[in-house]
N, C-alpha and C. Protein backbone atom coordinates (compact mmCIF):
# COMPACT_ATOMS: atom_id res chain seq x y z
N MET A 1 0.77 -1.14 0.04
CA MET A 1 0.26 -0.24 0.01
C MET A 1 0.78 1.48 -0.20
N PRO A 2 1.97 1.67 0.78
CA PRO A 2 2.64 2.93 0.60
C PRO A 2 3.12 2.90 -0.55
N PHE A 3 3.63 1.99 -1.19
CA PHE A 3 4.58 1.94 -2.43
C PHE A 3 3.84 2.48 -3.47
N LYS A 4 2.51 1.66 -3.81
CA LYS A 4 1.39 2.50 -4.44
C LYS A 4 1.13 4.08 -4.25
N PHE A 5 0.96 4.00 -3.16
CA PHE A 5 1.07 5.64 -2.72
C PHE A 5 2.26 6.60 -2.96
N ILE A 6 3.21 5.85 -2.84
CA ILE A 6 4.47 6.90 -3.24
C ILE A 6 4.81 7.00 -4.75
N VAL A 7 4.46 6.25 -5.32
CA VAL A 7 4.74 6.13 -6.99
C VAL A 7 3.47 7.21 -7.25
N THR A 8 1.92 6.86 -6.91
CA THR A 8 1.28 7.74 -7.19
C THR A 8 1.64 9.41 -6.76
N LEU A 9 2.04 9.74 -5.91
CA LEU A 9 2.59 10.70 -5.54
C LEU A 9 3.68 11.11 -6.48
N LEU A 10 4.66 10.58 -6.61
CA LEU A 10 5.71 10.74 -7.56
C LEU A 10 5.20 11.33 -8.97
N ILE A 11 4.34 10.35 -9.60
CA ILE A 11 3.57 10.58 -10.91
C ILE A 11 3.00 12.13 -10.70
N GLY A 12 1.95 12.22 -9.50
CA GLY A 12 1.33 13.38 -9.43
C GLY A 12 2.48 14.61 -9.57
N LEU A 13 3.31 14.77 -8.50
CA LEU A 13 4.59 15.61 -8.68
C LEU A 13 5.14 16.46 -10.03
N PHE A 14 5.44 15.20 -10.63
CA PHE A 14 5.81 15.11 -12.20
C PHE A 14 5.03 15.87 -13.24
N ALA A 15 3.40 15.19 -13.01
CA ALA A 15 2.27 15.86 -14.14
C ALA A 15 2.58 17.16 -13.53
N LEU A 16 2.37 17.70 -12.26
CA LEU A 16 2.24 19.15 -11.96
C LEU A 16 3.39 19.90 -12.42
N ASN A 17 4.69 19.27 -12.51
CA ASN A 17 5.53 19.93 -13.28
C ASN A 17 5.46 20.42 -14.56
N ALA A 18 5.45 19.52 -14.93
CA ALA A 18 5.35 19.28 -16.59
C ALA A 18 3.96 20.13 -17.02
N THR A 19 3.15 20.63 -16.45
CA THR A 19 2.17 21.11 -16.93
C THR A 19 1.99 22.23 -15.98
N ALA A 20 2.89 22.92 -16.00
CA ALA A 20 3.03 24.35 -15.15
C ALA A 20 1.63 25.55 -16.13
N SER A 21 0.85 26.21 -15.32
CA SER A 21 0.03 26.95 -15.86
C SER A 21 0.72 28.16 -16.03
N SER A 22 1.58 28.83 -15.73
CA SER A 22 2.02 29.90 -15.73
C SER A 22 3.14 29.85 -16.67
N GLY A 23 4.19 29.00 -16.66
CA GLY A 23 5.52 29.11 -17.68
C GLY A 23 6.22 27.77 -17.47
N THR A 24 7.31 28.08 -18.33
CA THR A 24 8.34 26.73 -17.78
C THR A 24 9.41 27.13 -18.85
N ASN A 25 10.52 26.29 -18.23
CA ASN A 25 11.98 26.54 -19.25
C ASN A 25 12.60 25.00 -19.86
N PHE A 26 12.75 24.83 -20.61
CA PHE A 26 13.28 23.81 -20.72
C PHE A 26 14.16 23.69 -22.28
N SER A 27 15.04 22.61 -22.27
CA SER A 27 16.20 22.36 -23.44
C SER A 27 15.62 21.30 -24.25
N PRO A 28 15.10 21.78 -25.46
CA PRO A 28 14.41 20.71 -26.68
C PRO A 28 15.69 19.68 -26.76
N ASP A 29 17.11 20.11 -26.82
CA ASP A 29 18.49 19.33 -27.14
C ASP A 29 19.37 18.98 -26.75
N GLY A 30 19.30 20.15 -25.39
CA GLY A 30 20.54 20.04 -24.86
C GLY A 30 21.52 21.54 -24.99
N ALA A 31 21.40 21.94 -26.31
CA ALA A 31 21.82 23.21 -26.75
C ALA A 31 21.43 24.34 -26.72
N THR A 32 19.86 23.83 -26.63
CA THR A 32 19.05 24.91 -26.84
C THR A 32 18.22 25.33 -25.64
N ARG A 33 17.77 26.55 -25.21
CA ARG A 33 17.25 26.94 -24.35
C ARG A 33 15.91 27.23 -24.55
N VAL A 34 14.64 27.04 -23.97
CA VAL A 34 13.49 27.54 -24.40
C VAL A 34 12.62 27.93 -23.18
N ALA A 35 12.13 29.09 -23.24
CA ALA A 35 10.97 29.81 -22.16
C ALA A 35 9.79 29.94 -22.72
N VAL A 36 8.89 29.23 -22.10
CA VAL A 36 7.65 29.37 -22.44
C VAL A 36 6.83 29.82 -21.55
N HIS A 37 6.18 30.75 -21.87
CA HIS A 37 4.96 31.42 -20.61
C HIS A 37 4.00 31.72 -21.11
N ILE A 38 2.74 32.00 -20.26
CA ILE A 38 1.37 32.10 -20.82
C ILE A 38 1.37 33.47 -20.28
N ASN A 39 0.49 34.41 -21.16
CA ASN A 39 0.23 36.00 -20.92
C ASN A 39 -1.01 36.06 -21.10
N GLY A 40 -2.05 35.89 -20.38
CA GLY A 40 -3.39 36.16 -20.15
C GLY A 40 -3.57 35.33 -21.46
N GLY A 41 -4.34 35.13 -22.41
CA GLY A 41 -4.64 34.48 -24.01
C GLY A 41 -3.67 34.25 -24.79
N HIS A 42 -2.27 34.18 -24.54
CA HIS A 42 -1.13 34.49 -25.27
C HIS A 42 -0.21 33.25 -24.51
N ILE A 43 0.77 32.52 -25.76
CA ILE A 43 1.59 31.87 -25.25
C ILE A 43 2.98 32.65 -25.97
N LEU A 44 4.03 33.19 -24.72
CA LEU A 44 5.18 33.57 -25.45
C LEU A 44 6.15 32.72 -25.35
N TYR A 45 7.06 32.50 -26.44
CA TYR A 45 8.05 31.32 -26.19
C TYR A 45 9.60 32.07 -26.78
N GLU A 46 10.55 32.03 -26.00
CA GLU A 46 12.05 32.37 -26.47
C GLU A 46 12.81 30.98 -26.63
N ILE A 47 13.33 31.48 -27.78
CA ILE A 47 14.15 30.21 -27.88
C ILE A 47 15.72 30.93 -27.99
N GLU A 48 16.61 30.50 -27.50
CA GLU A 48 18.09 30.53 -27.27
C GLU A 48 18.78 29.57 -27.65
N ASN A 49 20.03 29.86 -28.54
CA ASN A 49 21.43 28.71 -28.76
C ASN A 49 22.42 29.89 -28.65
N GLU A 50 23.20 29.11 -29.16
CA GLU A 50 24.98 29.89 -29.04
C GLU A 50 24.73 30.83 -30.43
N SER A 51 24.18 30.73 -31.76
CA SER A 51 24.23 31.42 -32.21
C SER A 51 22.71 32.35 -32.45
N GLN A 52 21.74 32.26 -31.81
CA GLN A 52 20.71 33.38 -31.90
C GLN A 52 19.45 33.31 -30.89
N LYS A 53 18.75 34.35 -30.57
CA LYS A 53 17.94 34.40 -29.78
C LYS A 53 16.56 34.63 -30.50
N LYS A 54 15.45 33.95 -30.57
CA LYS A 54 14.15 34.29 -30.79
C LYS A 54 12.64 34.20 -30.09
N ARG A 55 11.90 35.29 -30.49
CA ARG A 55 11.00 35.11 -29.49
C ARG A 55 9.56 35.35 -30.44
N GLU A 56 8.78 34.59 -30.04
CA GLU A 56 7.26 34.20 -30.86
C GLU A 56 6.12 34.33 -29.93
N GLU A 57 4.97 34.75 -30.50
CA GLU A 57 4.06 35.02 -29.78
C GLU A 57 2.69 34.13 -30.52
N ILE A 58 2.03 33.30 -29.58
CA ILE A 58 1.13 32.51 -30.15
C ILE A 58 -0.18 32.67 -29.75
N ASN A 59 -1.34 33.04 -30.14
CA ASN A 59 -2.53 33.91 -29.78
C ASN A 59 -3.60 32.63 -29.62
N PHE A 60 -4.40 32.61 -28.51
CA PHE A 60 -5.24 31.89 -28.70
C PHE A 60 -6.73 32.50 -28.01
N GLU A 61 -7.95 32.23 -28.95
CA GLU A 61 -9.24 33.00 -28.56
C GLU A 61 -10.27 31.92 -27.68
N VAL A 62 -9.62 31.68 -26.33
CA VAL A 62 -10.36 31.11 -25.66
C VAL A 62 -10.62 31.84 -24.19
N GLU A 63 -11.58 31.88 -23.48
CA GLU A 63 -11.65 32.30 -22.48
C GLU A 63 -11.13 31.17 -20.76
N LYS A 64 -10.99 30.07 -21.16
CA LYS A 64 -10.32 29.13 -20.36
C LYS A 64 -8.80 29.26 -19.81
N GLN A 65 -8.79 28.83 -18.86
CA GLN A 65 -6.90 28.63 -18.49
C GLN A 65 -6.13 27.77 -19.64
N LEU A 66 -5.24 28.47 -19.93
CA LEU A 66 -3.95 27.82 -20.73
C LEU A 66 -3.29 26.98 -19.25
N HIS A 67 -2.74 25.77 -20.41
CA HIS A 67 -1.57 24.67 -19.48
C HIS A 67 -0.52 24.36 -20.89
N ILE A 68 0.59 24.39 -20.15
CA ILE A 68 1.57 24.11 -20.68
C ILE A 68 1.88 22.50 -20.69
N GLU A 69 2.39 21.68 -21.65
CA GLU A 69 2.84 20.46 -21.28
C GLU A 69 4.53 20.12 -22.43
N ILE A 70 5.14 19.52 -21.92
CA ILE A 70 6.15 19.37 -21.86
C ILE A 70 6.63 18.17 -22.56
N ALA A 71 6.92 17.50 -23.69
CA ALA A 71 6.99 16.19 -24.19
C ALA A 71 7.60 15.98 -25.40
N ASP A 72 7.87 14.99 -25.69
CA ASP A 72 8.46 14.49 -27.31
C ASP A 72 7.43 13.96 -28.00
N TYR A 73 6.32 14.88 -28.89
CA TYR A 73 5.36 14.78 -29.67
C TYR A 73 5.56 13.96 -30.83
N ASN A 74 6.48 13.73 -31.41
CA ASN A 74 6.89 13.10 -33.10
C ASN A 74 8.18 12.18 -32.80
N PHE A 75 8.64 11.94 -31.24
CA PHE A 75 9.54 11.19 -30.91
C PHE A 75 10.74 10.89 -31.67
N ASP A 76 11.35 12.23 -31.97
CA ASP A 76 12.48 12.52 -32.50
C ASP A 76 13.87 12.92 -31.56
N GLY A 77 13.33 12.69 -30.22
CA GLY A 77 14.14 12.92 -29.09
C GLY A 77 14.62 13.96 -28.53
N ARG A 78 13.82 15.11 -29.13
CA ARG A 78 13.73 16.33 -28.58
C ARG A 78 12.62 16.84 -27.96
N LEU A 79 12.59 17.74 -26.85
CA LEU A 79 11.33 18.25 -26.50
C LEU A 79 10.71 19.19 -27.16
N ASP A 80 9.44 19.13 -27.25
CA ASP A 80 8.45 20.01 -27.96
C ASP A 80 7.31 20.57 -27.05
N PHE A 81 6.05 20.93 -27.19
CA PHE A 81 5.13 21.23 -26.29
C PHE A 81 4.12 21.31 -26.72
N SER A 82 3.01 21.24 -25.82
CA SER A 82 1.49 21.27 -26.18
C SER A 82 0.72 22.67 -25.46
N VAL A 83 -0.11 22.76 -25.69
CA VAL A 83 -0.84 24.21 -25.13
C VAL A 83 -2.40 23.86 -25.09
N TRP A 84 -3.05 23.30 -23.98
CA TRP A 84 -4.44 22.79 -24.00
C TRP A 84 -5.15 23.70 -22.74
N HIS A 85 -6.27 23.52 -22.99
CA HIS A 85 -7.36 24.01 -22.44
C HIS A 85 -8.89 23.19 -22.23
N THR A 86 -9.60 23.50 -21.41
CA THR A 86 -10.80 22.52 -21.33
C THR A 86 -11.65 23.09 -22.20
N ASP A 87 -12.37 22.41 -22.82
CA ASP A 87 -13.77 22.95 -23.94
C ASP A 87 -14.47 24.24 -23.16
N GLU A 88 -15.04 24.96 -23.93
CA GLU A 88 -15.62 26.10 -23.62
C GLU A 88 -17.28 25.79 -23.42
N GLY A 89 -17.54 24.55 -23.53
CA GLY A 89 -19.00 23.93 -22.90
C GLY A 89 -19.01 23.80 -21.41
N MET A 90 -19.06 23.21 -21.39
CA MET A 90 -19.10 21.94 -20.01
C MET A 90 -17.48 21.72 -19.33
N GLY A 91 -16.66 21.92 -19.98
CA GLY A 91 -15.24 21.39 -19.68
C GLY A 91 -15.16 20.26 -19.33
N THR A 92 -15.70 19.30 -20.77
CA THR A 92 -15.42 17.71 -20.58
C THR A 92 -14.35 17.53 -21.29
N TYR A 93 -13.73 18.00 -22.66
CA TYR A 93 -12.97 17.39 -22.84
C TYR A 93 -11.55 18.72 -22.91
N THR A 94 -10.24 17.89 -23.07
CA THR A 94 -9.41 18.86 -23.12
C THR A 94 -8.88 19.22 -24.87
N LEU A 95 -8.74 20.31 -25.27
CA LEU A 95 -8.05 20.67 -26.56
C LEU A 95 -6.98 21.58 -26.44
N HIS A 96 -6.15 20.24 -27.41
CA HIS A 96 -4.75 20.53 -27.09
C HIS A 96 -4.37 21.38 -28.71
N ARG A 97 -3.35 22.30 -28.91
CA ARG A 97 -2.26 22.55 -29.71
C ARG A 97 -0.70 21.83 -29.62
N VAL A 98 -0.37 21.34 -31.05
CA VAL A 98 0.93 20.92 -30.33
C VAL A 98 1.93 21.75 -31.48
N PHE A 99 2.87 21.81 -30.74
CA PHE A 99 4.13 22.74 -31.32
C PHE A 99 5.50 21.65 -31.32
N VAL A 100 6.11 21.41 -32.32
CA VAL A 100 7.35 20.37 -32.50
C VAL A 100 8.36 21.25 -32.77
N PHE A 101 9.64 20.97 -32.28
CA PHE A 101 10.70 21.84 -32.20
C PHE A 101 11.40 21.27 -33.53
N SER A 102 11.76 22.54 -34.23
CA SER A 102 12.20 22.28 -35.61
C SER A 102 14.02 22.62 -35.24
N LYS A 103 15.17 22.16 -35.43
CA LYS A 103 16.34 22.51 -35.15
C LYS A 103 16.67 23.07 -36.29
N GLU A 104 16.40 22.83 -37.40
CA GLU A 104 16.65 23.24 -38.69
C GLU A 104 16.22 24.52 -38.73
N LYS A 105 14.85 25.06 -38.17
CA LYS A 105 14.57 26.39 -38.21
C LYS A 105 14.81 27.34 -37.12
N ASN A 106 15.27 26.52 -35.80
CA ASN A 106 15.26 27.04 -34.71
C ASN A 106 13.99 27.65 -34.16
N GLU A 107 12.90 26.67 -34.34
CA GLU A 107 11.31 27.09 -34.00
C GLU A 107 10.59 26.03 -33.65
N PHE A 108 9.49 26.57 -32.91
CA PHE A 108 8.47 25.16 -33.13
C PHE A 108 7.29 25.55 -34.03
N ILE A 109 6.83 24.42 -34.98
CA ILE A 109 6.15 24.21 -35.52
C ILE A 109 4.83 23.55 -35.16
N GLU A 110 3.93 24.38 -35.66
CA GLU A 110 2.51 23.76 -34.91
C GLU A 110 2.11 22.62 -36.04
N ASN A 111 1.16 21.23 -35.62
CA ASN A 111 1.05 20.10 -35.75
C ASN A 111 0.10 19.83 -35.77
N PHE A 112 -1.09 19.01 -36.42
CA PHE A 112 -2.61 18.89 -36.43
C PHE A 112 -2.70 17.53 -36.36
N PRO A 113 -3.68 16.88 -35.74
CA PRO A 113 -4.09 15.43 -35.59
C PRO A 113 -4.71 15.20 -37.50
N LYS A 114 -4.49 13.66 -37.68
CA LYS A 114 -4.64 13.64 -39.14
C LYS A 114 -6.45 13.54 -39.53
N CYS A 115 -7.15 13.52 -38.20
CA CYS A 115 -8.55 13.82 -38.35
C CYS A 115 -9.25 14.71 -37.84
N ASN A 116 -8.64 15.63 -37.75
CA ASN A 116 -9.63 16.80 -37.41
C ASN A 116 -8.43 17.84 -37.23
N ASP A 117 -9.17 19.17 -37.03
CA ASP A 117 -8.28 20.58 -37.06
C ASP A 117 -7.41 20.48 -35.37
N GLU A 118 -7.81 19.61 -34.33
CA GLU A 118 -7.18 19.90 -32.79
C GLU A 118 -7.29 18.80 -32.50
N PHE A 119 -6.29 18.70 -31.48
CA PHE A 119 -6.05 17.37 -30.82
C PHE A 119 -6.95 17.53 -29.39
N ILE A 120 -8.17 16.63 -29.52
CA ILE A 120 -8.95 16.54 -28.31
C ILE A 120 -8.60 15.46 -27.35
N ASN A 121 -8.81 15.74 -26.01
CA ASN A 121 -8.03 14.49 -25.22
C ASN A 121 -6.86 13.53 -25.38
N LEU A 122 -6.18 14.43 -25.66
CA LEU A 122 -4.68 13.87 -26.38
C LEU A 122 -4.00 13.03 -25.66
N LYS A 123 -3.57 12.03 -26.25
CA LYS A 123 -2.85 10.93 -25.13
C LYS A 123 -1.35 10.64 -25.74
N VAL A 124 -0.40 10.47 -25.59
CA VAL A 124 1.12 10.17 -26.18
C VAL A 124 1.14 8.41 -26.20
N ASP A 125 0.95 8.16 -27.28
CA ASP A 125 1.08 6.51 -27.20
C ASP A 125 2.68 6.15 -27.46
N LYS A 126 3.69 6.01 -26.77
CA LYS A 126 5.38 6.27 -26.69
C LYS A 126 5.44 4.90 -27.38
N LYS A 127 4.96 3.61 -27.12
CA LYS A 127 4.95 2.00 -27.51
C LYS A 127 4.85 2.39 -28.78
N ASN A 128 3.80 2.99 -29.47
CA ASN A 128 3.74 2.47 -31.04
C ASN A 128 4.00 4.40 -31.62
N LYS A 129 4.42 5.18 -31.12
CA LYS A 129 5.14 6.26 -31.15
C LYS A 129 4.27 7.38 -32.20
N ARG A 130 2.69 7.36 -31.52
CA ARG A 130 1.75 8.23 -32.09
C ARG A 130 1.01 8.78 -31.22
N LEU A 131 0.12 9.71 -31.57
CA LEU A 131 -0.57 10.59 -30.56
C LEU A 131 -1.86 10.18 -30.82
N ILE A 132 -2.86 9.96 -29.75
CA ILE A 132 -4.31 9.40 -29.93
C ILE A 132 -4.81 10.47 -29.62
N SER A 133 -5.85 10.86 -30.07
CA SER A 133 -7.09 11.81 -29.81
C SER A 133 -8.03 11.29 -30.15
N THR A 134 -9.46 12.19 -30.22
CA THR A 134 -10.53 11.98 -30.33
C THR A 134 -10.95 12.73 -31.51
N TYR A 135 -12.18 12.56 -31.98
CA TYR A 135 -12.75 13.31 -33.25
C TYR A 135 -14.20 13.14 -33.29
N PHE A 136 -15.27 13.46 -33.73
CA PHE A 136 -16.36 13.22 -34.00
C PHE A 136 -16.73 13.04 -35.41
N GLU A 137 -17.29 11.98 -35.30
CA GLU A 137 -18.16 11.53 -36.75
C GLU A 137 -19.42 11.48 -36.57
N GLY A 138 -20.27 12.77 -37.26
CA GLY A 138 -21.86 12.34 -37.20
C GLY A 138 -22.50 12.38 -35.30
N GLY A 139 -21.69 13.00 -34.86
CA GLY A 139 -21.94 13.35 -33.45
C GLY A 139 -21.47 12.20 -32.50
N ILE A 140 -20.63 11.32 -32.89
CA ILE A 140 -20.21 9.60 -32.52
C ILE A 140 -18.65 9.77 -32.37
N PRO A 141 -17.91 10.17 -31.19
CA PRO A 141 -16.68 9.73 -30.85
C PRO A 141 -15.88 8.87 -31.32
N ARG A 142 -14.77 9.18 -32.28
CA ARG A 142 -13.78 8.13 -32.62
C ARG A 142 -12.25 8.39 -32.27
N LEU A 143 -11.88 7.09 -32.38
CA LEU A 143 -10.16 7.70 -31.93
C LEU A 143 -9.37 8.15 -33.16
N CYS A 144 -8.48 8.98 -33.16
CA CYS A 144 -7.85 9.14 -34.18
C CYS A 144 -6.03 8.88 -34.22
N LYS A 145 -5.63 8.34 -34.83
CA LYS A 145 -4.25 7.90 -34.61
C LYS A 145 -3.10 8.71 -35.47
N THR A 146 -2.68 9.40 -34.92
CA THR A 146 -1.35 10.53 -35.62
C THR A 146 -0.22 9.97 -35.61
N ASN A 147 0.45 10.12 -36.52
CA ASN A 147 1.89 9.83 -36.60
C ASN A 147 2.69 11.25 -37.24
N LEU A 148 3.27 11.76 -36.44
CA LEU A 148 4.28 12.86 -36.61
C LEU A 148 5.14 13.05 -37.13
N LYS A 149 5.71 13.70 -38.32
CA LYS A 149 7.30 14.04 -39.27
C LYS A 149 8.15 13.96 -37.76
N LYS A 150 9.44 13.26 -37.94
CA LYS A 150 10.38 14.03 -36.96
C LYS A 150 10.81 14.93 -37.83
N SER A 151 11.78 15.88 -37.13
CA SER A 151 12.44 16.72 -37.66
C SER A 151 13.53 16.40 -37.84
N SER A 152 14.09 17.35 -39.03
CA SER A 152 15.71 16.88 -39.36
C SER A 152 16.64 17.89 -38.73
N ALA A 153 17.45 17.38 -38.92
CA ALA A 153 18.86 17.95 -38.21
C ALA A 153 18.98 17.60 -36.88
């Protein structure tokens, strides 16, 4: 019983750290530093490496609280990020936008699921290296399995 509690507590602490609501810092590849911050309905991110520094802003037209998650969404060994919020209705679903790091361009590129415009209830399937999300067809929820391209360089 205590072991399960400790594991659950550690997983909860990791999830809390990875889904910081105000912002977070991380390194996609070990040589690049990234700061991602929530500023109202905007996400500001800054990328810095030995050769350049870049700032970008992403607008979100939602009234729900935004959250940041860090993960390797295209399974290339580099960290990426997603921004999510609950749906504007009853808050039943989580809606994610996924941004994958391109070392070649030194920026994050937004990616979309193959079945819809947004990732609904996104899950990362590490075993099969794909993203699982929900989409609706005729009002019926279905699973969408998306494989993102690995970034070059």
